[in-house]
Amino acid sequence: MDELKSKIRTIPDWPEKGVMFRDITTLLKDAEAFQKTIDMLSQRYKNQDIDIIAGIESRGFIIGSALADRLGVGFIPIRKKGKLPSKVISEEYKLEYGTASIEMHEDAVKSGTKVLLIDDVIATGGTAVAACQLIRRLKGSVVECGFIIGLPALGGMRKLEENGERIFTLMTY
């Protein structure tokens, strides 16, 4: 795990002072590290009953689609408001400085679909909780919420657990 952690760049004071941003683009550009990341996630999920993977914009698209390909399941995007071309459902969530919305096509998940939610980082948890709510509104079930990085001090992991979600992270900071 230390090898993968060493591939993640930390950018101090971005996007604002006091934040230590964990940038996975340096991991993604390293073919061996990226492959190892997908290998580790696929080992965790290969024997689980998963129908589809949902990835949160935008780095969740990269990890989620690679993992979906490896597991032989489909992929659905969860996007920022106004980015999907067909009929959508939306979920609003709180930010430190206001609110934001994410959307999913209303036909992306059918009743009973077992969904693995994937993103790069779990920080404050607002987006991940909203994504789980979207899946449940379409009567899907969230098998687990998987992340490369967990930042437990920011409370998002706890928020997801309090919401009844199972969580997995490859590493924490």
N, C-alpha and C. Protein backbone atom coordinates (compact mmCIF):
# COMPACT_ATOMS: atom_id res chain seq x y z
N MET A 1 0.82 -1.20 0.00
CA MET A 1 0.00 0.00 0.00
C MET A 1 0.86 1.26 0.00
N ASP A 2 2.00 1.19 0.68
CA ASP A 2 2.90 2.34 0.69
C ASP A 2 3.35 2.70 -0.71
N GLU A 3 3.52 1.66 -1.55
CA GLU A 3 3.92 1.90 -2.93
C GLU A 3 2.85 2.72 -3.66
N LEU A 4 1.58 2.37 -3.48
CA LEU A 4 0.50 3.13 -4.11
C LEU A 4 0.40 4.52 -3.50
N LYS A 5 0.52 4.61 -2.20
CA LYS A 5 0.45 5.92 -1.54
C LYS A 5 1.53 6.86 -2.06
N SER A 6 2.68 6.31 -2.37
CA SER A 6 3.78 7.14 -2.86
C SER A 6 3.48 7.72 -4.25
N LYS A 7 2.50 7.17 -4.93
CA LYS A 7 2.13 7.65 -6.28
C LYS A 7 1.09 8.77 -6.23
N ILE A 8 0.58 9.06 -5.04
CA ILE A 8 -0.44 10.09 -4.88
C ILE A 8 0.23 11.38 -4.44
N ARG A 9 -0.02 12.43 -5.21
CA ARG A 9 0.57 13.74 -4.93
C ARG A 9 -0.30 14.49 -3.93
N THR A 10 0.35 15.11 -2.96
CA THR A 10 -0.36 15.95 -2.00
C THR A 10 -0.07 17.41 -2.34
N ILE A 11 -1.15 18.17 -2.52
CA ILE A 11 -1.02 19.59 -2.86
C ILE A 11 -1.56 20.40 -1.69
N PRO A 12 -0.66 21.06 -0.95
CA PRO A 12 -1.12 21.85 0.20
C PRO A 12 -1.86 23.12 -0.24
N ASP A 13 -2.85 23.48 0.60
CA ASP A 13 -3.60 24.73 0.43
C ASP A 13 -4.34 24.81 -0.90
N TRP A 14 -4.89 23.66 -1.36
CA TRP A 14 -5.70 23.67 -2.58
C TRP A 14 -6.93 22.82 -2.36
N PRO A 15 -8.10 23.25 -2.67
CA PRO A 15 -8.47 24.46 -3.39
C PRO A 15 -8.53 25.71 -2.51
N GLU A 16 -8.30 25.51 -1.21
CA GLU A 16 -8.26 26.67 -0.32
C GLU A 16 -7.25 26.42 0.79
N LYS A 17 -6.87 27.49 1.47
CA LYS A 17 -5.85 27.41 2.52
C LYS A 17 -6.27 26.40 3.58
N GLY A 18 -5.30 25.59 4.00
CA GLY A 18 -5.54 24.60 5.05
C GLY A 18 -5.92 23.22 4.53
N VAL A 19 -6.26 23.11 3.26
CA VAL A 19 -6.65 21.82 2.68
C VAL A 19 -5.41 21.14 2.11
N MET A 20 -5.27 19.85 2.42
CA MET A 20 -4.21 19.03 1.83
C MET A 20 -4.90 18.15 0.78
N PHE A 21 -4.84 18.58 -0.48
CA PHE A 21 -5.54 17.89 -1.57
C PHE A 21 -4.77 16.65 -1.98
N ARG A 22 -5.44 15.50 -2.00
CA ARG A 22 -4.84 14.23 -2.42
C ARG A 22 -5.17 14.02 -3.90
N ASP A 23 -4.18 14.17 -4.74
CA ASP A 23 -4.34 14.16 -6.19
C ASP A 23 -3.97 12.79 -6.76
N ILE A 24 -4.98 12.06 -7.28
CA ILE A 24 -4.71 10.73 -7.82
C ILE A 24 -4.26 10.77 -9.28
N THR A 25 -4.19 11.94 -9.91
CA THR A 25 -3.78 11.96 -11.32
C THR A 25 -2.37 11.41 -11.49
N THR A 26 -1.53 11.55 -10.48
CA THR A 26 -0.18 11.01 -10.56
C THR A 26 -0.19 9.48 -10.46
N LEU A 27 -1.15 8.92 -9.74
CA LEU A 27 -1.32 7.47 -9.69
C LEU A 27 -1.87 6.97 -11.03
N LEU A 28 -2.82 7.69 -11.59
CA LEU A 28 -3.45 7.28 -12.85
C LEU A 28 -2.46 7.26 -14.02
N LYS A 29 -1.51 8.19 -14.02
CA LYS A 29 -0.57 8.26 -15.15
C LYS A 29 0.51 7.19 -15.07
N ASP A 30 0.65 6.55 -13.92
CA ASP A 30 1.62 5.48 -13.73
C ASP A 30 0.90 4.16 -14.05
N ALA A 31 1.20 3.58 -15.21
CA ALA A 31 0.48 2.39 -15.68
C ALA A 31 0.49 1.26 -14.66
N GLU A 32 1.63 1.01 -14.06
CA GLU A 32 1.74 -0.08 -13.09
C GLU A 32 0.90 0.19 -11.84
N ALA A 33 0.96 1.41 -11.34
CA ALA A 33 0.20 1.76 -10.14
C ALA A 33 -1.31 1.74 -10.42
N PHE A 34 -1.70 2.24 -11.59
CA PHE A 34 -3.12 2.23 -11.95
C PHE A 34 -3.62 0.79 -12.07
N GLN A 35 -2.84 -0.05 -12.73
CA GLN A 35 -3.24 -1.45 -12.88
C GLN A 35 -3.32 -2.14 -11.52
N LYS A 36 -2.37 -1.87 -10.64
CA LYS A 36 -2.39 -2.47 -9.31
C LYS A 36 -3.63 -2.00 -8.52
N THR A 37 -4.00 -0.74 -8.67
CA THR A 37 -5.19 -0.21 -8.00
C THR A 37 -6.44 -0.97 -8.47
N ILE A 38 -6.58 -1.11 -9.77
CA ILE A 38 -7.75 -1.84 -10.31
C ILE A 38 -7.68 -3.31 -9.92
N ASP A 39 -6.48 -3.90 -9.90
CA ASP A 39 -6.32 -5.29 -9.46
C ASP A 39 -6.82 -5.46 -8.03
N MET A 40 -6.42 -4.55 -7.15
CA MET A 40 -6.81 -4.65 -5.74
C MET A 40 -8.32 -4.50 -5.57
N LEU A 41 -8.90 -3.56 -6.28
CA LEU A 41 -10.36 -3.39 -6.20
C LEU A 41 -11.08 -4.58 -6.79
N SER A 42 -10.60 -5.10 -7.91
CA SER A 42 -11.28 -6.24 -8.54
C SER A 42 -11.18 -7.48 -7.66
N GLN A 43 -10.06 -7.65 -6.95
CA GLN A 43 -9.95 -8.78 -6.02
C GLN A 43 -11.00 -8.68 -4.91
N ARG A 44 -11.25 -7.47 -4.45
CA ARG A 44 -12.26 -7.30 -3.40
C ARG A 44 -13.66 -7.64 -3.91
N TYR A 45 -13.96 -7.25 -5.13
CA TYR A 45 -15.34 -7.33 -5.60
C TYR A 45 -15.64 -8.48 -6.55
N LYS A 46 -14.65 -9.26 -6.96
CA LYS A 46 -14.87 -10.27 -8.00
C LYS A 46 -15.88 -11.35 -7.61
N ASN A 47 -16.01 -11.65 -6.34
CA ASN A 47 -16.95 -12.69 -5.91
C ASN A 47 -18.19 -12.13 -5.24
N GLN A 48 -18.37 -10.82 -5.34
CA GLN A 48 -19.57 -10.21 -4.77
C GLN A 48 -20.66 -10.12 -5.85
N ASP A 49 -21.88 -10.14 -5.40
CA ASP A 49 -23.03 -10.08 -6.31
C ASP A 49 -23.29 -8.62 -6.69
N ILE A 50 -22.69 -8.20 -7.80
CA ILE A 50 -22.79 -6.82 -8.28
C ILE A 50 -23.34 -6.84 -9.70
N ASP A 51 -24.38 -6.05 -9.95
CA ASP A 51 -24.96 -5.96 -11.29
C ASP A 51 -24.32 -4.86 -12.13
N ILE A 52 -23.95 -3.76 -11.46
CA ILE A 52 -23.46 -2.58 -12.19
C ILE A 52 -22.63 -1.72 -11.25
N ILE A 53 -21.75 -0.93 -11.83
CA ILE A 53 -20.95 0.02 -11.05
C ILE A 53 -21.40 1.43 -11.40
N ALA A 54 -21.60 2.24 -10.38
CA ALA A 54 -21.90 3.66 -10.56
C ALA A 54 -20.67 4.45 -10.13
N GLY A 55 -20.22 5.36 -10.99
CA GLY A 55 -19.07 6.20 -10.69
C GLY A 55 -19.48 7.66 -10.59
N ILE A 56 -18.93 8.35 -9.59
CA ILE A 56 -19.24 9.75 -9.38
C ILE A 56 -18.25 10.61 -10.16
N GLU A 57 -18.78 11.61 -10.84
CA GLU A 57 -17.97 12.52 -11.66
C GLU A 57 -16.87 13.15 -10.82
N SER A 58 -15.69 13.23 -11.31
CA SER A 58 -15.22 12.73 -12.58
C SER A 58 -14.21 11.60 -12.43
N ARG A 59 -13.44 11.62 -11.35
CA ARG A 59 -12.45 10.56 -11.20
C ARG A 59 -13.09 9.21 -10.92
N GLY A 60 -14.29 9.21 -10.38
CA GLY A 60 -15.03 7.95 -10.21
C GLY A 60 -15.37 7.30 -11.53
N PHE A 61 -15.45 8.12 -12.60
CA PHE A 61 -15.66 7.57 -13.95
C PHE A 61 -14.47 6.72 -14.37
N ILE A 62 -13.28 7.23 -14.09
CA ILE A 62 -12.05 6.55 -14.52
C ILE A 62 -11.90 5.22 -13.79
N ILE A 63 -11.96 5.28 -12.47
CA ILE A 63 -11.80 4.08 -11.65
C ILE A 63 -12.97 3.12 -11.88
N GLY A 64 -14.17 3.66 -11.86
CA GLY A 64 -15.36 2.82 -11.99
C GLY A 64 -15.47 2.11 -13.32
N SER A 65 -15.16 2.79 -14.41
CA SER A 65 -15.29 2.14 -15.72
C SER A 65 -14.20 1.09 -15.92
N ALA A 66 -12.99 1.35 -15.44
CA ALA A 66 -11.92 0.34 -15.53
C ALA A 66 -12.29 -0.89 -14.69
N LEU A 67 -12.84 -0.67 -13.51
CA LEU A 67 -13.25 -1.77 -12.65
C LEU A 67 -14.43 -2.53 -13.25
N ALA A 68 -15.39 -1.81 -13.84
CA ALA A 68 -16.53 -2.46 -14.48
C ALA A 68 -16.06 -3.37 -15.61
N ASP A 69 -15.12 -2.88 -16.41
CA ASP A 69 -14.57 -3.70 -17.48
C ASP A 69 -13.93 -4.96 -16.91
N ARG A 70 -13.14 -4.81 -15.87
CA ARG A 70 -12.44 -5.95 -15.27
C ARG A 70 -13.43 -6.97 -14.69
N LEU A 71 -14.54 -6.48 -14.10
CA LEU A 71 -15.52 -7.38 -13.48
C LEU A 71 -16.57 -7.90 -14.46
N GLY A 72 -16.58 -7.33 -15.66
CA GLY A 72 -17.56 -7.77 -16.65
C GLY A 72 -18.98 -7.31 -16.36
N VAL A 73 -19.09 -6.11 -15.78
CA VAL A 73 -20.41 -5.52 -15.51
C VAL A 73 -20.49 -4.16 -16.20
N GLY A 74 -21.68 -3.59 -16.24
CA GLY A 74 -21.86 -2.28 -16.85
C GLY A 74 -21.47 -1.14 -15.92
N PHE A 75 -21.54 0.06 -16.47
CA PHE A 75 -21.15 1.26 -15.74
C PHE A 75 -22.19 2.35 -15.96
N ILE A 76 -22.53 3.07 -14.90
CA ILE A 76 -23.42 4.22 -15.02
C ILE A 76 -22.76 5.45 -14.38
N PRO A 77 -22.86 6.59 -15.06
CA PRO A 77 -22.28 7.81 -14.52
C PRO A 77 -23.26 8.56 -13.61
N ILE A 78 -22.73 9.10 -12.53
CA ILE A 78 -23.47 10.04 -11.69
C ILE A 78 -22.77 11.37 -11.90
N ARG A 79 -23.51 12.35 -12.44
CA ARG A 79 -22.89 13.57 -12.93
C ARG A 79 -23.37 14.81 -12.20
N LYS A 80 -22.61 15.87 -12.39
CA LYS A 80 -23.03 17.19 -11.93
C LYS A 80 -24.27 17.60 -12.71
N LYS A 81 -25.04 18.49 -12.12
CA LYS A 81 -26.30 18.92 -12.70
C LYS A 81 -26.11 19.46 -14.13
N GLY A 82 -27.03 19.05 -15.02
CA GLY A 82 -27.06 19.58 -16.37
C GLY A 82 -26.14 18.91 -17.37
N LYS A 83 -25.53 17.79 -17.02
CA LYS A 83 -24.57 17.13 -17.91
C LYS A 83 -25.11 15.89 -18.61
N LEU A 84 -26.24 15.38 -18.18
CA LEU A 84 -26.79 14.16 -18.78
C LEU A 84 -27.90 14.51 -19.78
N PRO A 85 -27.94 13.81 -20.93
CA PRO A 85 -28.82 14.23 -22.02
C PRO A 85 -30.27 13.74 -21.95
N SER A 86 -30.59 12.77 -21.12
CA SER A 86 -31.95 12.23 -21.10
C SER A 86 -32.62 12.62 -19.78
N LYS A 87 -33.78 12.01 -19.50
CA LYS A 87 -34.49 12.33 -18.27
C LYS A 87 -33.69 11.87 -17.06
N VAL A 88 -33.61 12.75 -16.06
CA VAL A 88 -32.78 12.49 -14.88
C VAL A 88 -33.57 12.63 -13.59
N ILE A 89 -32.99 12.07 -12.53
CA ILE A 89 -33.41 12.40 -11.18
C ILE A 89 -32.22 13.12 -10.54
N SER A 90 -32.51 14.03 -9.63
CA SER A 90 -31.47 14.85 -9.00
C SER A 90 -31.50 14.70 -7.49
N GLU A 91 -30.37 14.94 -6.90
CA GLU A 91 -30.26 14.97 -5.44
C GLU A 91 -29.36 16.13 -5.07
N GLU A 92 -29.86 16.97 -4.19
CA GLU A 92 -29.09 18.12 -3.72
C GLU A 92 -28.37 17.74 -2.44
N TYR A 93 -27.19 18.30 -2.25
CA TYR A 93 -26.43 18.07 -1.03
C TYR A 93 -25.72 19.36 -0.63
N LYS A 94 -25.33 19.41 0.65
CA LYS A 94 -24.72 20.62 1.19
C LYS A 94 -23.22 20.64 0.96
N LEU A 95 -22.75 21.83 0.69
CA LEU A 95 -21.32 22.13 0.62
C LEU A 95 -21.00 23.09 1.75
N GLU A 96 -19.73 23.30 2.00
CA GLU A 96 -19.35 24.26 3.03
C GLU A 96 -19.87 25.65 2.71
N TYR A 97 -20.01 25.95 1.42
CA TYR A 97 -20.35 27.30 0.98
C TYR A 97 -21.69 27.36 0.25
N GLY A 98 -22.54 26.34 0.38
CA GLY A 98 -23.84 26.35 -0.30
C GLY A 98 -24.33 24.95 -0.57
N THR A 99 -24.93 24.76 -1.74
CA THR A 99 -25.43 23.44 -2.12
C THR A 99 -25.01 23.13 -3.55
N ALA A 100 -25.09 21.87 -3.89
CA ALA A 100 -24.83 21.40 -5.24
C ALA A 100 -25.79 20.25 -5.52
N SER A 101 -25.87 19.84 -6.77
CA SER A 101 -26.74 18.72 -7.15
C SER A 101 -25.97 17.76 -8.03
N ILE A 102 -26.32 16.49 -7.89
CA ILE A 102 -25.85 15.47 -8.82
C ILE A 102 -27.07 14.81 -9.44
N GLU A 103 -26.85 14.19 -10.59
CA GLU A 103 -27.96 13.59 -11.33
C GLU A 103 -27.56 12.23 -11.88
N MET A 104 -28.61 11.46 -12.16
CA MET A 104 -28.45 10.15 -12.77
C MET A 104 -29.64 9.96 -13.70
N HIS A 105 -29.44 9.29 -14.82
CA HIS A 105 -30.57 9.01 -15.70
C HIS A 105 -31.62 8.21 -14.94
N GLU A 106 -32.86 8.54 -15.14
CA GLU A 106 -33.93 7.88 -14.39
C GLU A 106 -34.09 6.41 -14.76
N ASP A 107 -33.52 5.99 -15.88
CA ASP A 107 -33.59 4.58 -16.26
C ASP A 107 -32.26 3.84 -16.04
N ALA A 108 -31.34 4.45 -15.28
CA ALA A 108 -30.01 3.86 -15.07
C ALA A 108 -30.04 2.63 -14.18
N VAL A 109 -30.95 2.61 -13.22
CA VAL A 109 -31.04 1.53 -12.26
C VAL A 109 -32.48 1.04 -12.22
N LYS A 110 -32.64 -0.26 -12.31
CA LYS A 110 -33.97 -0.86 -12.19
C LYS A 110 -34.14 -1.40 -10.77
N SER A 111 -35.37 -1.62 -10.37
CA SER A 111 -35.67 -2.14 -9.05
C SER A 111 -34.88 -3.43 -8.79
N GLY A 112 -34.22 -3.47 -7.65
CA GLY A 112 -33.45 -4.66 -7.26
C GLY A 112 -32.02 -4.71 -7.77
N THR A 113 -31.62 -3.75 -8.60
CA THR A 113 -30.26 -3.74 -9.13
C THR A 113 -29.25 -3.55 -7.99
N LYS A 114 -28.21 -4.40 -7.99
CA LYS A 114 -27.16 -4.33 -6.98
C LYS A 114 -26.03 -3.47 -7.52
N VAL A 115 -25.81 -2.31 -6.88
CA VAL A 115 -24.90 -1.28 -7.39
C VAL A 115 -23.69 -1.13 -6.47
N LEU A 116 -22.52 -1.12 -7.08
CA LEU A 116 -21.28 -0.77 -6.38
C LEU A 116 -20.99 0.69 -6.72
N LEU A 117 -20.93 1.54 -5.72
CA LEU A 117 -20.63 2.96 -5.92
C LEU A 117 -19.13 3.16 -5.77
N ILE A 118 -18.52 3.83 -6.76
CA ILE A 118 -17.07 4.04 -6.77
C ILE A 118 -16.73 5.52 -6.95
N ASP A 119 -15.75 5.99 -6.18
CA ASP A 119 -15.17 7.32 -6.38
C ASP A 119 -13.72 7.28 -5.92
N ASP A 120 -13.00 8.36 -6.16
CA ASP A 120 -11.58 8.36 -5.81
C ASP A 120 -11.36 8.62 -4.33
N VAL A 121 -12.09 9.59 -3.75
CA VAL A 121 -11.84 10.01 -2.36
C VAL A 121 -13.16 10.17 -1.62
N ILE A 122 -13.18 9.73 -0.37
CA ILE A 122 -14.29 10.05 0.51
C ILE A 122 -13.78 11.06 1.53
N ALA A 123 -14.32 12.27 1.45
CA ALA A 123 -13.90 13.37 2.31
C ALA A 123 -15.04 13.71 3.26
N THR A 124 -15.86 14.70 2.91
CA THR A 124 -16.97 15.09 3.79
C THR A 124 -18.22 14.24 3.58
N GLY A 125 -18.30 13.54 2.46
CA GLY A 125 -19.36 12.56 2.24
C GLY A 125 -20.63 13.05 1.59
N GLY A 126 -20.77 14.34 1.37
CA GLY A 126 -22.02 14.85 0.81
C GLY A 126 -22.38 14.25 -0.54
N THR A 127 -21.42 14.19 -1.44
CA THR A 127 -21.68 13.67 -2.78
C THR A 127 -21.99 12.18 -2.72
N ALA A 128 -21.23 11.43 -1.94
CA ALA A 128 -21.44 9.98 -1.85
C ALA A 128 -22.81 9.66 -1.24
N VAL A 129 -23.19 10.36 -0.19
CA VAL A 129 -24.51 10.14 0.41
C VAL A 129 -25.61 10.46 -0.61
N ALA A 130 -25.47 11.56 -1.33
CA ALA A 130 -26.45 11.93 -2.35
C ALA A 130 -26.52 10.87 -3.45
N ALA A 131 -25.37 10.32 -3.85
CA ALA A 131 -25.34 9.27 -4.87
C ALA A 131 -26.09 8.03 -4.40
N CYS A 132 -25.87 7.64 -3.15
CA CYS A 132 -26.60 6.49 -2.59
C CYS A 132 -28.10 6.74 -2.58
N GLN A 133 -28.49 7.97 -2.25
CA GLN A 133 -29.92 8.31 -2.24
C GLN A 133 -30.51 8.22 -3.64
N LEU A 134 -29.77 8.64 -4.66
CA LEU A 134 -30.25 8.51 -6.04
C LEU A 134 -30.50 7.05 -6.39
N ILE A 135 -29.54 6.21 -6.07
CA ILE A 135 -29.66 4.77 -6.37
C ILE A 135 -30.88 4.19 -5.67
N ARG A 136 -31.06 4.53 -4.41
CA ARG A 136 -32.20 3.99 -3.65
C ARG A 136 -33.54 4.53 -4.15
N ARG A 137 -33.54 5.78 -4.61
CA ARG A 137 -34.79 6.34 -5.15
C ARG A 137 -35.26 5.55 -6.36
N LEU A 138 -34.33 4.96 -7.10
CA LEU A 138 -34.69 4.12 -8.25
C LEU A 138 -34.86 2.66 -7.83
N LYS A 139 -34.87 2.42 -6.51
CA LYS A 139 -35.09 1.10 -5.93
C LYS A 139 -33.95 0.11 -6.15
N GLY A 140 -32.75 0.67 -6.37
CA GLY A 140 -31.56 -0.16 -6.41
C GLY A 140 -31.00 -0.32 -5.01
N SER A 141 -30.09 -1.27 -4.84
CA SER A 141 -29.44 -1.42 -3.54
C SER A 141 -27.94 -1.15 -3.71
N VAL A 142 -27.38 -0.47 -2.73
CA VAL A 142 -25.97 -0.13 -2.75
C VAL A 142 -25.23 -1.27 -2.04
N VAL A 143 -24.44 -2.02 -2.80
CA VAL A 143 -23.68 -3.13 -2.24
C VAL A 143 -22.59 -2.61 -1.32
N GLU A 144 -21.87 -1.59 -1.79
CA GLU A 144 -20.80 -0.98 -1.01
C GLU A 144 -20.41 0.32 -1.69
N CYS A 145 -19.77 1.18 -0.93
CA CYS A 145 -19.18 2.41 -1.46
C CYS A 145 -17.68 2.23 -1.38
N GLY A 146 -17.02 2.17 -2.55
CA GLY A 146 -15.60 1.92 -2.59
C GLY A 146 -14.82 3.16 -3.04
N PHE A 147 -13.69 3.40 -2.39
CA PHE A 147 -12.86 4.57 -2.66
C PHE A 147 -11.40 4.17 -2.66
N ILE A 148 -10.59 4.91 -3.38
CA ILE A 148 -9.14 4.71 -3.29
C ILE A 148 -8.65 5.28 -1.97
N ILE A 149 -9.10 6.49 -1.65
CA ILE A 149 -8.60 7.21 -0.47
C ILE A 149 -9.75 7.55 0.48
N GLY A 150 -9.52 7.30 1.75
CA GLY A 150 -10.44 7.73 2.79
C GLY A 150 -9.77 8.80 3.64
N LEU A 151 -10.52 9.85 3.93
CA LEU A 151 -10.04 10.93 4.81
C LEU A 151 -10.95 10.96 6.04
N PRO A 152 -10.76 10.02 6.98
CA PRO A 152 -11.70 9.88 8.10
C PRO A 152 -11.88 11.14 8.94
N ALA A 153 -10.87 11.97 9.05
CA ALA A 153 -10.99 13.18 9.87
C ALA A 153 -12.04 14.15 9.34
N LEU A 154 -12.40 14.04 8.06
CA LEU A 154 -13.38 14.95 7.48
C LEU A 154 -14.83 14.49 7.65
N GLY A 155 -15.04 13.29 8.20
CA GLY A 155 -16.37 12.86 8.61
C GLY A 155 -17.23 12.15 7.59
N GLY A 156 -16.81 12.08 6.35
CA GLY A 156 -17.64 11.45 5.32
C GLY A 156 -17.82 9.96 5.50
N MET A 157 -16.79 9.29 5.97
CA MET A 157 -16.91 7.84 6.19
C MET A 157 -17.93 7.57 7.28
N ARG A 158 -17.87 8.35 8.33
CA ARG A 158 -18.83 8.22 9.43
C ARG A 158 -20.25 8.52 8.94
N LYS A 159 -20.38 9.55 8.12
CA LYS A 159 -21.69 9.94 7.59
C LYS A 159 -22.30 8.80 6.76
N LEU A 160 -21.49 8.17 5.93
CA LEU A 160 -21.97 7.04 5.13
C LEU A 160 -22.38 5.87 6.03
N GLU A 161 -21.55 5.57 7.03
CA GLU A 161 -21.88 4.48 7.96
C GLU A 161 -23.17 4.76 8.70
N GLU A 162 -23.35 6.01 9.13
CA GLU A 162 -24.60 6.38 9.82
C GLU A 162 -25.80 6.25 8.90
N ASN A 163 -25.56 6.33 7.61
CA ASN A 163 -26.61 6.17 6.60
C ASN A 163 -26.85 4.68 6.28
N GLY A 164 -26.09 3.81 6.93
CA GLY A 164 -26.24 2.38 6.73
C GLY A 164 -25.42 1.80 5.59
N GLU A 165 -24.45 2.56 5.08
CA GLU A 165 -23.65 2.09 3.94
C GLU A 165 -22.43 1.32 4.41
N ARG A 166 -22.06 0.33 3.61
CA ARG A 166 -20.78 -0.35 3.78
C ARG A 166 -19.75 0.47 3.02
N ILE A 167 -18.54 0.59 3.58
CA ILE A 167 -17.49 1.42 2.98
C ILE A 167 -16.21 0.63 2.89
N PHE A 168 -15.48 0.86 1.79
CA PHE A 168 -14.15 0.28 1.64
C PHE A 168 -13.24 1.34 1.07
N THR A 169 -12.05 1.46 1.64
CA THR A 169 -11.02 2.34 1.08
C THR A 169 -9.72 1.53 0.96
N LEU A 170 -8.98 1.79 -0.11
CA LEU A 170 -7.68 1.15 -0.25
C LEU A 170 -6.68 1.71 0.75
N MET A 171 -6.79 3.00 1.05
CA MET A 171 -5.86 3.65 1.98
C MET A 171 -6.55 4.83 2.65
N THR A 172 -5.98 5.24 3.77
CA THR A 172 -6.49 6.43 4.48
C THR A 172 -5.33 7.38 4.76
N TYR A 173 -5.69 8.63 4.91
CA TYR A 173 -4.74 9.68 5.29
C TYR A 173 -5.26 10.35 6.55
